[in-house]
Structure formats: C-alpha cells, structure tokens
Amino acid sequence: MQNRLLLTVTVEREDALRYTPAGLPVLEMWLKHQSRQSAGGFERDVACDIQAVWIGEDARKHAGKLAGQVMNVTGFLGQRSLRNPRLVLNIEYVEFVKG
C-alpha cells in the first residue's frame, strides 16, 4: 500500500520538544501549505494547515528553531494515536528551502 506525501510548507508553530517513554525525541508542529495545482484540466489555488510530528535526532537538533522556516517535507499520513484518529503527517525527511 502506498502512503507517501511530499509538500513544501512553512512552519506556523512548534511545540516544545518532548520524549517518548522509549526516549525518542518528538517534535509536534503545525504547517501551512499554499500552491497552485491543476485538476481535471483546471488550475486552482490550494491551501491547507497540517498537523505534523517529527521523531528522532534530527527533530531534536532543530527544535525551537523552526517557526517561519520553509521546508520540503516527505513523510506519511497516519492517525495521531491509537485513541485519536485525527490525521497527522509523520515527517521522515526535511530539506530546508533557502529563500
């Protein structure tokens, strides 16, 4: 099954870094995406706000420095937790966009 998402986003805000019970660093953030896309032969403006989670050492290194940053993010969609079915982008790779 395919589950892959690539977006250019701006970090609107980020929570304080936290750690899982297993000791993994977790950074939750809210992202904004805006672009122009074509669908069915017509162009349209697309905008959305996305809740995202970034887990691992790279998340720890960048924590507290991301607000306002433009990034290309790659990841997959999943539910927030076993008890919360809200959709969240799980970030696997980040490329910072110079600008």
PDB file of N, CA and C in Angstrom:
ATOM      1  N   MET A   1       0.842  -1.187   0.000  1.00  0.00           N
ATOM      2  CA  MET A   1       0.000   0.000   0.000  1.00  0.00           C
ATOM      3  C   MET A   1       0.884   1.246   0.000  1.00  0.00           C
ATOM      4  N   GLN A   2       0.515   2.198  -0.823  1.00  0.00           N
ATOM      5  CA  GLN A   2       1.262   3.451  -0.902  1.00  0.00           C
ATOM      6  C   GLN A   2       0.752   4.437   0.145  1.00  0.00           C
ATOM      7  N   ASN A   3       1.661   5.159   0.762  1.00  0.00           N
ATOM      8  CA  ASN A   3       1.331   6.219   1.711  1.00  0.00           C
ATOM      9  C   ASN A   3       2.548   7.129   1.770  1.00  0.00           C
ATOM     10  N   ARG A   4       2.624   8.081   0.863  1.00  0.00           N
ATOM     11  CA  ARG A   4       3.786   8.959   0.768  1.00  0.00           C
ATOM     12  C   ARG A   4       3.292  10.355   0.425  1.00  0.00           C
ATOM     13  N   LEU A   5       3.826  11.365   1.087  1.00  0.00           N
ATOM     14  CA  LEU A   5       3.421  12.742   0.865  1.00  0.00           C
ATOM     15  C   LEU A   5       4.664  13.607   0.787  1.00  0.00           C
ATOM     16  N   LEU A   6       4.725  14.489  -0.214  1.00  0.00           N
ATOM     17  CA  LEU A   6       5.813  15.454  -0.370  1.00  0.00           C
ATOM     18  C   LEU A   6       5.177  16.819  -0.510  1.00  0.00           C
ATOM     19  N   LEU A   7       5.519  17.737   0.391  1.00  0.00           N
ATOM     20  CA  LEU A   7       4.947  19.077   0.386  1.00  0.00           C
ATOM     21  C   LEU A   7       6.011  20.117   0.682  1.00  0.00           C
ATOM     22  N   THR A   8       5.831  21.293   0.108  1.00  0.00           N
ATOM     23  CA  THR A   8       6.592  22.463   0.529  1.00  0.00           C
ATOM     24  C   THR A   8       5.702  23.205   1.516  1.00  0.00           C
ATOM     25  N   VAL A   9       6.228  23.465   2.700  1.00  0.00           N
ATOM     26  CA  VAL A   9       5.426  24.033   3.785  1.00  0.00           C
ATOM     27  C   VAL A   9       6.193  25.138   4.502  1.00  0.00           C
ATOM     28  N   THR A  10       5.439  25.943   5.228  1.00  0.00           N
ATOM     29  CA  THR A  10       6.007  26.905   6.171  1.00  0.00           C
ATOM     30  C   THR A  10       5.594  26.454   7.561  1.00  0.00           C
ATOM     31  N   VAL A  11       6.531  26.447   8.497  1.00  0.00           N
ATOM     32  CA  VAL A  11       6.219  26.058   9.876  1.00  0.00           C
ATOM     33  C   VAL A  11       5.524  27.233  10.553  1.00  0.00           C
ATOM     34  N   GLU A  12       4.266  27.044  10.913  1.00  0.00           N
ATOM     35  CA  GLU A  12       3.495  28.082  11.595  1.00  0.00           C
ATOM     36  C   GLU A  12       3.875  28.152  13.074  1.00  0.00           C
ATOM     37  N   ARG A  13       3.954  26.991  13.710  1.00  0.00           N
ATOM     38  CA  ARG A  13       4.376  26.943  15.120  1.00  0.00           C
ATOM     39  C   ARG A  13       4.823  25.538  15.461  1.00  0.00           C
ATOM     40  N   GLU A  14       5.573  25.437  16.541  1.00  0.00           N
ATOM     41  CA  GLU A  14       6.034  24.128  17.016  1.00  0.00           C
ATOM     42  C   GLU A  14       5.869  24.059  18.522  1.00  0.00           C
ATOM     43  N   ASP A  15       5.577  22.872  19.009  1.00  0.00           N
ATOM     44  CA  ASP A  15       5.501  22.643  20.449  1.00  0.00           C
ATOM     45  C   ASP A  15       6.905  22.454  21.006  1.00  0.00           C
ATOM     46  N   ALA A  16       7.004  22.458  22.319  1.00  0.00           N
ATOM     47  CA  ALA A  16       8.283  22.153  22.961  1.00  0.00           C
ATOM     48  C   ALA A  16       8.632  20.689  22.697  1.00  0.00           C
ATOM     49  N   LEU A  17       9.902  20.421  22.556  1.00  0.00           N
ATOM     50  CA  LEU A  17      10.370  19.054  22.337  1.00  0.00           C
ATOM     51  C   LEU A  17       9.980  18.188  23.533  1.00  0.00           C
ATOM     52  N   ARG A  18       9.513  16.986  23.249  1.00  0.00           N
ATOM     53  CA  ARG A  18       9.207  16.030  24.317  1.00  0.00           C
ATOM     54  C   ARG A  18       9.845  14.698  23.951  1.00  0.00           C
ATOM     55  N   TYR A  19       9.776  13.751  24.860  1.00  0.00           N
ATOM     56  CA  TYR A  19      10.380  12.435  24.638  1.00  0.00           C
ATOM     57  C   TYR A  19       9.351  11.339  24.874  1.00  0.00           C
ATOM     58  N   THR A  20       9.418  10.290  24.061  1.00  0.00           N
ATOM     59  CA  THR A  20       8.550   9.128  24.249  1.00  0.00           C
ATOM     60  C   THR A  20       9.048   8.350  25.466  1.00  0.00           C
ATOM     61  N   PRO A  21       8.238   7.421  25.996  1.00  0.00           N
ATOM     62  CA  PRO A  21       8.722   6.575  27.087  1.00  0.00           C
ATOM     63  C   PRO A  21       9.987   5.795  26.711  1.00  0.00           C
ATOM     64  N   ALA A  22      10.185   5.550  25.415  1.00  0.00           N
ATOM     65  CA  ALA A  22      11.391   4.845  24.957  1.00  0.00           C
ATOM     66  C   ALA A  22      12.587   5.784  24.793  1.00  0.00           C
ATOM     67  N   GLY A  23      12.367   7.088  25.063  1.00  0.00           N
ATOM     68  CA  GLY A  23      13.464   8.047  24.993  1.00  0.00           C
ATOM     69  C   GLY A  23      13.673   8.711  23.642  1.00  0.00           C
ATOM     70  N   LEU A  24      12.738   8.530  22.714  1.00  0.00           N
ATOM     71  CA  LEU A  24      12.872   9.156  21.394  1.00  0.00           C
ATOM     72  C   LEU A  24      12.380  10.600  21.436  1.00  0.00           C
ATOM     73  N   PRO A  25      13.137  11.541  20.855  1.00  0.00           N
ATOM     74  CA  PRO A  25      12.671  12.930  20.801  1.00  0.00           C
ATOM     75  C   PRO A  25      11.506  13.075  19.822  1.00  0.00           C
ATOM     76  N   VAL A  26      10.499  13.853  20.218  1.00  0.00           N
ATOM     77  CA  VAL A  26       9.304  14.072  19.404  1.00  0.00           C
ATOM     78  C   VAL A  26       9.035  15.568  19.334  1.00  0.00           C
ATOM     79  N   LEU A  27       8.850  16.058  18.115  1.00  0.00           N
ATOM     80  CA  LEU A  27       8.541  17.466  17.902  1.00  0.00           C
ATOM     81  C   LEU A  27       7.233  17.554  17.122  1.00  0.00           C
ATOM     82  N   GLU A  28       6.218  18.160  17.733  1.00  0.00           N
ATOM     83  CA  GLU A  28       4.948  18.364  17.044  1.00  0.00           C
ATOM     84  C   GLU A  28       4.918  19.782  16.524  1.00  0.00           C
ATOM     85  N   MET A  29       4.369  19.943  15.306  1.00  0.00           N
ATOM     86  CA  MET A  29       4.316  21.272  14.703  1.00  0.00           C
ATOM     87  C   MET A  29       3.096  21.399  13.806  1.00  0.00           C
ATOM     88  N   TRP A  30       2.803  22.634  13.459  1.00  0.00           N
ATOM     89  CA  TRP A  30       1.694  22.950  12.575  1.00  0.00           C
ATOM     90  C   TRP A  30       2.272  23.638  11.354  1.00  0.00           C
ATOM     91  N   LEU A  31       1.908  23.112  10.185  1.00  0.00           N
ATOM     92  CA  LEU A  31       2.478  23.539   8.918  1.00  0.00           C
ATOM     93  C   LEU A  31       1.403  24.172   8.047  1.00  0.00           C
ATOM     94  N   LYS A  32       1.835  25.082   7.173  1.00  0.00           N
ATOM     95  CA  LYS A  32       0.931  25.697   6.205  1.00  0.00           C
ATOM     96  C   LYS A  32       1.483  25.437   4.813  1.00  0.00           C
ATOM     97  N   HIS A  33       0.601  24.994   3.917  1.00  0.00           N
ATOM     98  CA  HIS A  33       0.970  24.754   2.516  1.00  0.00           C
ATOM     99  C   HIS A  33       0.103  25.628   1.625  1.00  0.00           C
ATOM    100  N   GLN A  34       0.726  26.265   0.610  1.00  0.00           N
ATOM    101  CA  GLN A  34      -0.002  27.033  -0.403  1.00  0.00           C
ATOM    102  C   GLN A  34       0.647  26.764  -1.747  1.00  0.00           C
ATOM    103  N   SER A  35      -0.172  26.477  -2.755  1.00  0.00           N
ATOM    104  CA  SER A  35       0.367  26.249  -4.096  1.00  0.00           C
ATOM    105  C   SER A  35      -0.746  26.414  -5.126  1.00  0.00           C
ATOM    106  N   ARG A  36      -0.353  26.322  -6.378  1.00  0.00           N
ATOM    107  CA  ARG A  36      -1.311  26.323  -7.488  1.00  0.00           C
ATOM    108  C   ARG A  36      -1.200  24.956  -8.147  1.00  0.00           C
ATOM    109  N   GLN A  37      -2.328  24.246  -8.256  1.00  0.00           N
ATOM    110  CA  GLN A  37      -2.353  22.884  -8.780  1.00  0.00           C
ATOM    111  C   GLN A  37      -3.379  22.783  -9.905  1.00  0.00           C
ATOM    112  N   SER A  38      -3.188  21.798 -10.764  1.00  0.00           N
ATOM    113  CA  SER A  38      -4.189  21.563 -11.806  1.00  0.00           C
ATOM    114  C   SER A  38      -4.895  20.236 -11.524  1.00  0.00           C
ATOM    115  N   ALA A  39      -6.199  20.255 -11.745  1.00  0.00           N
ATOM    116  CA  ALA A  39      -7.022  19.057 -11.552  1.00  0.00           C
ATOM    117  C   ALA A  39      -8.135  19.094 -12.585  1.00  0.00           C
ATOM    118  N   GLY A  40      -8.267  18.034 -13.337  1.00  0.00           N
ATOM    119  CA  GLY A  40      -9.319  17.967 -14.345  1.00  0.00           C
ATOM    120  C   GLY A  40      -9.176  19.023 -15.423  1.00  0.00           C
ATOM    121  N   GLY A  41      -7.950  19.438 -15.697  1.00  0.00           N
ATOM    122  CA  GLY A  41      -7.708  20.442 -16.724  1.00  0.00           C
ATOM    123  C   GLY A  41      -7.863  21.875 -16.261  1.00  0.00           C
ATOM    124  N   PHE A  42      -8.152  22.085 -14.994  1.00  0.00           N
ATOM    125  CA  PHE A  42      -8.320  23.434 -14.460  1.00  0.00           C
ATOM    126  C   PHE A  42      -7.280  23.695 -13.376  1.00  0.00           C
ATOM    127  N   GLU A  43      -6.795  24.934 -13.327  1.00  0.00           N
ATOM    128  CA  GLU A  43      -5.859  25.311 -12.262  1.00  0.00           C
ATOM    129  C   GLU A  43      -6.637  25.906 -11.105  1.00  0.00           C
ATOM    130  N   ARG A  44      -6.131  25.636  -9.911  1.00  0.00           N
ATOM    131  CA  ARG A  44      -6.769  26.203  -8.717  1.00  0.00           C
ATOM    132  C   ARG A  44      -5.731  26.442  -7.650  1.00  0.00           C
ATOM    133  N   ASP A  45      -6.015  27.395  -6.785  1.00  0.00           N
ATOM    134  CA  ASP A  45      -5.166  27.663  -5.632  1.00  0.00           C
ATOM    135  C   ASP A  45      -5.517  26.664  -4.541  1.00  0.00           C
ATOM    136  N   VAL A  46      -4.488  26.134  -3.913  1.00  0.00           N
ATOM    137  CA  VAL A  46      -4.664  25.147  -2.852  1.00  0.00           C
ATOM    138  C   VAL A  46      -3.967  25.668  -1.601  1.00  0.00           C
ATOM    139  N   ALA A  47      -4.630  25.575  -0.472  1.00  0.00           N
ATOM    140  CA  ALA A  47      -4.032  25.963   0.805  1.00  0.00           C
ATOM    141  C   ALA A  47      -4.568  25.033   1.883  1.00  0.00           C
ATOM    142  N   CYS A  48      -3.693  24.652   2.811  1.00  0.00           N
ATOM    143  CA  CYS A  48      -4.149  23.810   3.914  1.00  0.00           C
ATOM    144  C   CYS A  48      -3.200  23.950   5.101  1.00  0.00           C
ATOM    145  N   ASP A  49      -3.736  23.697   6.265  1.00  0.00           N
ATOM    146  CA  ASP A  49      -2.963  23.635   7.501  1.00  0.00           C
ATOM    147  C   ASP A  49      -2.862  22.171   7.888  1.00  0.00           C
ATOM    148  N   ILE A  50      -1.674  21.758   8.316  1.00  0.00           N
ATOM    149  CA  ILE A  50      -1.414  20.345   8.581  1.00  0.00           C
ATOM    150  C   ILE A  50      -0.719  20.197   9.928  1.00  0.00           C
ATOM    151  N   GLN A  51      -1.219  19.306  10.758  1.00  0.00           N
ATOM    152  CA  GLN A  51      -0.511  18.954  11.979  1.00  0.00           C
ATOM    153  C   GLN A  51       0.516  17.891  11.617  1.00  0.00           C
ATOM    154  N   ALA A  52       1.729  18.026  12.153  1.00  0.00           N
ATOM    155  CA  ALA A  52       2.801  17.092  11.814  1.00  0.00           C
ATOM    156  C   ALA A  52       3.581  16.711  13.056  1.00  0.00           C
ATOM    157  N   VAL A  53       4.234  15.556  12.973  1.00  0.00           N
ATOM    158  CA  VAL A  53       5.103  15.089  14.047  1.00  0.00           C
ATOM    159  C   VAL A  53       6.412  14.627  13.417  1.00  0.00           C
ATOM    160  N   TRP A  54       7.518  15.013  14.052  1.00  0.00           N
ATOM    161  CA  TRP A  54       8.857  14.654  13.578  1.00  0.00           C
ATOM    162  C   TRP A  54       9.542  13.946  14.739  1.00  0.00           C
ATOM    163  N   ILE A  55       9.949  12.720  14.540  1.00  0.00           N
ATOM    164  CA  ILE A  55      10.543  11.909  15.602  1.00  0.00           C
ATOM    165  C   ILE A  55      11.990  11.603  15.253  1.00  0.00           C
ATOM    166  N   GLY A  56      12.870  11.736  16.237  1.00  0.00           N
ATOM    167  CA  GLY A  56      14.259  11.339  16.028  1.00  0.00           C
ATOM    168  C   GLY A  56      15.258  12.432  16.339  1.00  0.00           C
ATOM    169  N   GLU A  57      16.517  12.111  16.131  1.00  0.00           N
ATOM    170  CA  GLU A  57      17.617  13.006  16.475  1.00  0.00           C
ATOM    171  C   GLU A  57      17.586  14.301  15.671  1.00  0.00           C
ATOM    172  N   ASP A  58      17.210  14.241  14.388  1.00  0.00           N
ATOM    173  CA  ASP A  58      17.127  15.473  13.592  1.00  0.00           C
ATOM    174  C   ASP A  58      16.077  16.420  14.160  1.00  0.00           C
ATOM    175  N   ALA A  59      14.974  15.883  14.640  1.00  0.00           N
ATOM    176  CA  ALA A  59      13.946  16.715  15.268  1.00  0.00           C
ATOM    177  C   ALA A  59      14.522  17.412  16.498  1.00  0.00           C
ATOM    178  N   ARG A  60      15.280  16.690  17.301  1.00  0.00           N
ATOM    179  CA  ARG A  60      15.890  17.283  18.495  1.00  0.00           C
ATOM    180  C   ARG A  60      16.844  18.411  18.122  1.00  0.00           C
ATOM    181  N   LYS A  61      17.645  18.208  17.086  1.00  0.00           N
ATOM    182  CA  LYS A  61      18.636  19.215  16.663  1.00  0.00           C
ATOM    183  C   LYS A  61      17.990  20.521  16.207  1.00  0.00           C
ATOM    184  N   HIS A  62      16.803  20.423  15.607  1.00  0.00           N
ATOM    185  CA  HIS A  62      16.163  21.615  15.045  1.00  0.00           C
ATOM    186  C   HIS A  62      15.065  22.194  15.937  1.00  0.00           C
ATOM    187  N   ALA A  63      14.780  21.566  17.058  1.00  0.00           N
ATOM    188  CA  ALA A  63      13.710  22.027  17.950  1.00  0.00           C
ATOM    189  C   ALA A  63      13.955  23.467  18.390  1.00  0.00           C
ATOM    190  N   GLY A  64      12.886  24.251  18.374  1.00  0.00           N
ATOM    191  CA  GLY A  64      12.958  25.635  18.818  1.00  0.00           C
ATOM    192  C   GLY A  64      13.456  26.601  17.760  1.00  0.00           C
ATOM    193  N   LYS A  65      13.776  26.113  16.566  1.00  0.00           N
ATOM    194  CA  LYS A  65      14.339  26.963  15.515  1.00  0.00           C
ATOM    195  C   LYS A  65      13.523  26.929  14.228  1.00  0.00           C
ATOM    196  N   LEU A  66      12.346  26.347  14.252  1.00  0.00           N
ATOM    197  CA  LEU A  66      11.638  26.066  13.005  1.00  0.00           C
ATOM    198  C   LEU A  66      10.549  27.065  12.624  1.00  0.00           C
ATOM    199  N   ALA A  67      10.013  27.820  13.562  1.00  0.00           N
ATOM    200  CA  ALA A  67       8.912  28.734  13.247  1.00  0.00           C
ATOM    201  C   ALA A  67       9.325  29.689  12.130  1.00  0.00           C
ATOM    202  N   GLY A  68       8.488  29.748  11.089  1.00  0.00           N
ATOM    203  CA  GLY A  68       8.753  30.614   9.950  1.00  0.00           C
ATOM    204  C   GLY A  68       9.608  29.997   8.860  1.00  0.00           C
ATOM    205  N   GLN A  69      10.200  28.846   9.125  1.00  0.00           N
ATOM    206  CA  GLN A  69      11.058  28.185   8.138  1.00  0.00           C
ATOM    207  C   GLN A  69      10.225  27.573   7.013  1.00  0.00           C
ATOM    208  N   VAL A  70      10.767  27.649   5.790  1.00  0.00           N
ATOM    209  CA  VAL A  70      10.156  26.986   4.639  1.00  0.00           C
ATOM    210  C   VAL A  70      10.925  25.693   4.407  1.00  0.00           C
ATOM    211  N   MET A  71      10.196  24.585   4.266  1.00  0.00           N
ATOM    212  CA  MET A  71      10.829  23.273   4.141  1.00  0.00           C
ATOM    213  C   MET A  71      10.090  22.427   3.114  1.00  0.00           C
ATOM    214  N   ASN A  72      10.824  21.538   2.471  1.00  0.00           N
ATOM    215  CA  ASN A  72      10.226  20.438   1.722  1.00  0.00           C
ATOM    216  C   ASN A  72      10.215  19.258   2.682  1.00  0.00           C
ATOM    217  N   VAL A  73       9.041  18.726   2.960  1.00  0.00           N
ATOM    218  CA  VAL A  73       8.939  17.597   3.881  1.00  0.00           C
ATOM    219  C   VAL A  73       8.401  16.378   3.145  1.00  0.00           C
ATOM    220  N   THR A  74       8.927  15.226   3.502  1.00  0.00           N
ATOM    221  CA  THR A  74       8.457  13.952   2.974  1.00  0.00           C
ATOM    222  C   THR A  74       8.071  13.086   4.160  1.00  0.00           C
ATOM    223  N   GLY A  75       6.946  12.411   4.040  1.00  0.00           N
ATOM    224  CA  GLY A  75       6.514  11.548   5.126  1.00  0.00           C
ATOM    225  C   GLY A  75       5.282  10.753   4.740  1.00  0.00           C
ATOM    226  N   PHE A  76       4.572  10.309   5.758  1.00  0.00           N
ATOM    227  CA  PHE A  76       3.367   9.509   5.534  1.00  0.00           C
ATOM    228  C   PHE A  76       2.265   9.989   6.461  1.00  0.00           C
ATOM    229  N   LEU A  77       1.024   9.701   6.092  1.00  0.00           N
ATOM    230  CA  LEU A  77      -0.129  10.090   6.889  1.00  0.00           C
ATOM    231  C   LEU A  77      -0.534   8.954   7.810  1.00  0.00           C
ATOM    232  N   GLY A  78      -0.919   9.315   9.021  1.00  0.00           N
ATOM    233  CA  GLY A  78      -1.390   8.334   9.985  1.00  0.00           C
ATOM    234  C   GLY A  78      -2.261   9.010  11.021  1.00  0.00           C
ATOM    235  N   GLN A  79      -2.883   8.216  11.867  1.00  0.00           N
ATOM    236  CA  GLN A  79      -3.682   8.813  12.926  1.00  0.00           C
ATOM    237  C   GLN A  79      -2.776   9.264  14.057  1.00  0.00           C
ATOM    238  N   ARG A  80      -3.249  10.257  14.805  1.00  0.00           N
ATOM    239  CA  ARG A  80      -2.436  10.871  15.859  1.00  0.00           C
ATOM    240  C   ARG A  80      -2.004   9.850  16.908  1.00  0.00           C
ATOM    241  N   SER A  81      -2.911   8.995  17.313  1.00  0.00           N
ATOM    242  CA  SER A  81      -2.597   7.973  18.316  1.00  0.00           C
ATOM    243  C   SER A  81      -3.630   6.856  18.203  1.00  0.00           C
ATOM    244  N   LEU A  82      -3.464   5.826  19.009  1.00  0.00           N
ATOM    245  CA  LEU A  82      -4.430   4.723  18.991  1.00  0.00           C
ATOM    246  C   LEU A  82      -5.833   5.191  19.355  1.00  0.00           C
ATOM    247  N   ARG A  83      -5.912   6.193  20.218  1.00  0.00           N
ATOM    248  CA  ARG A  83      -7.210   6.678  20.686  1.00  0.00           C
ATOM    249  C   ARG A  83      -7.702   7.914  19.943  1.00  0.00           C
ATOM    250  N   ASN A  84      -6.836   8.543  19.149  1.00  0.00           N
ATOM    251  CA  ASN A  84      -7.208   9.769  18.446  1.00  0.00           C
ATOM    252  C   ASN A  84      -7.014   9.570  16.946  1.00  0.00           C
ATOM    253  N   PRO A  85      -8.100   9.449  16.184  1.00  0.00           N
ATOM    254  CA  PRO A  85      -7.987   9.162  14.756  1.00  0.00           C
ATOM    255  C   PRO A  85      -7.651  10.377  13.889  1.00  0.00           C
ATOM    256  N   ARG A  86      -7.401  11.532  14.491  1.00  0.00           N
ATOM    257  CA  ARG A  86      -7.087  12.732  13.711  1.00  0.00           C
ATOM    258  C   ARG A  86      -5.869  12.485  12.826  1.00  0.00           C
ATOM    259  N   LEU A  87      -5.938  12.958  11.590  1.00  0.00           N
ATOM    260  CA  LEU A  87      -4.884  12.759  10.607  1.00  0.00           C
ATOM    261  C   LEU A  87      -3.666  13.633  10.910  1.00  0.00           C
ATOM    262  N   VAL A  88      -2.469  13.026  10.877  1.00  0.00           N
ATOM    263  CA  VAL A  88      -1.212  13.722  11.157  1.00  0.00           C
ATOM    264  C   VAL A  88      -0.179  13.300  10.116  1.00  0.00           C
ATOM    265  N   LEU A  89       0.630  14.263   9.676  1.00  0.00           N
ATOM    266  CA  LEU A  89       1.756  13.961   8.799  1.00  0.00           C
ATOM    267  C   LEU A  89       2.938  13.535   9.660  1.00  0.00           C
ATOM    268  N   ASN A  90       3.445  12.342   9.447  1.00  0.00           N
ATOM    269  CA  ASN A  90       4.633  11.845  10.141  1.00  0.00           C
ATOM    270  C   ASN A  90       5.830  12.150   9.252  1.00  0.00           C
ATOM    271  N   ILE A  91       6.663  13.093   9.664  1.00  0.00           N
ATOM    272  CA  ILE A  91       7.782  13.554   8.842  1.00  0.00           C
ATOM    273  C   ILE A  91       8.933  12.569   8.934  1.00  0.00           C
ATOM    274  N   GLU A  92       9.441  12.183   7.761  1.00  0.00           N
ATOM    275  CA  GLU A  92      10.598  11.291   7.686  1.00  0.00           C
ATOM    276  C   GLU A  92      11.843  12.016   7.183  1.00  0.00           C
ATOM    277  N   TYR A  93      11.657  13.014   6.322  1.00  0.00           N
ATOM    278  CA  TYR A  93      12.795  13.714   5.725  1.00  0.00           C
ATOM    279  C   TYR A  93      12.450  15.190   5.566  1.00  0.00           C
ATOM    280  N   VAL A  94      13.423  16.061   5.866  1.00  0.00           N
ATOM    281  CA  VAL A  94      13.245  17.507   5.737  1.00  0.00           C
ATOM    282  C   VAL A  94      14.391  18.079   4.924  1.00  0.00           C
ATOM    283  N   GLU A  95      14.034  18.940   3.980  1.00  0.00           N
ATOM    284  CA  GLU A  95      15.018  19.719   3.235  1.00  0.00           C
ATOM    285  C   GLU A  95      14.640  21.182   3.420  1.00  0.00           C
ATOM    286  N   PHE A  96      15.542  21.976   3.988  1.00  0.00           N
ATOM    287  CA  PHE A  96      15.263  23.387   4.204  1.00  0.00           C
ATOM    288  C   PHE A  96      15.416  24.139   2.893  1.00  0.00           C
ATOM    289  N   VAL A  97      14.448  25.030   2.609  1.00  0.00           N
ATOM    290  CA  VAL A  97      14.445  25.799   1.371  1.00  0.00           C
ATOM    291  C   VAL A  97      15.092  27.145   1.645  1.00  0.00           C
ATOM    292  N   LYS A  98      16.101  27.467   0.891  1.00  0.00           N
ATOM    293  CA  LYS A  98      16.761  28.773   1.027  1.00  0.00           C
ATOM    294  C   LYS A  98      15.873  29.809   0.366  1.00  0.00           C
ATOM    295  N   GLY A  99      15.827  30.989   0.952  1.00  0.00           N
ATOM    296  CA  GLY A  99      14.988  31.993   0.318  1.00  0.00           C
ATOM    297  C   GLY A  99      15.048  33.242   0.979  1.00  0.00           C
TER     298      GLY A  99
END
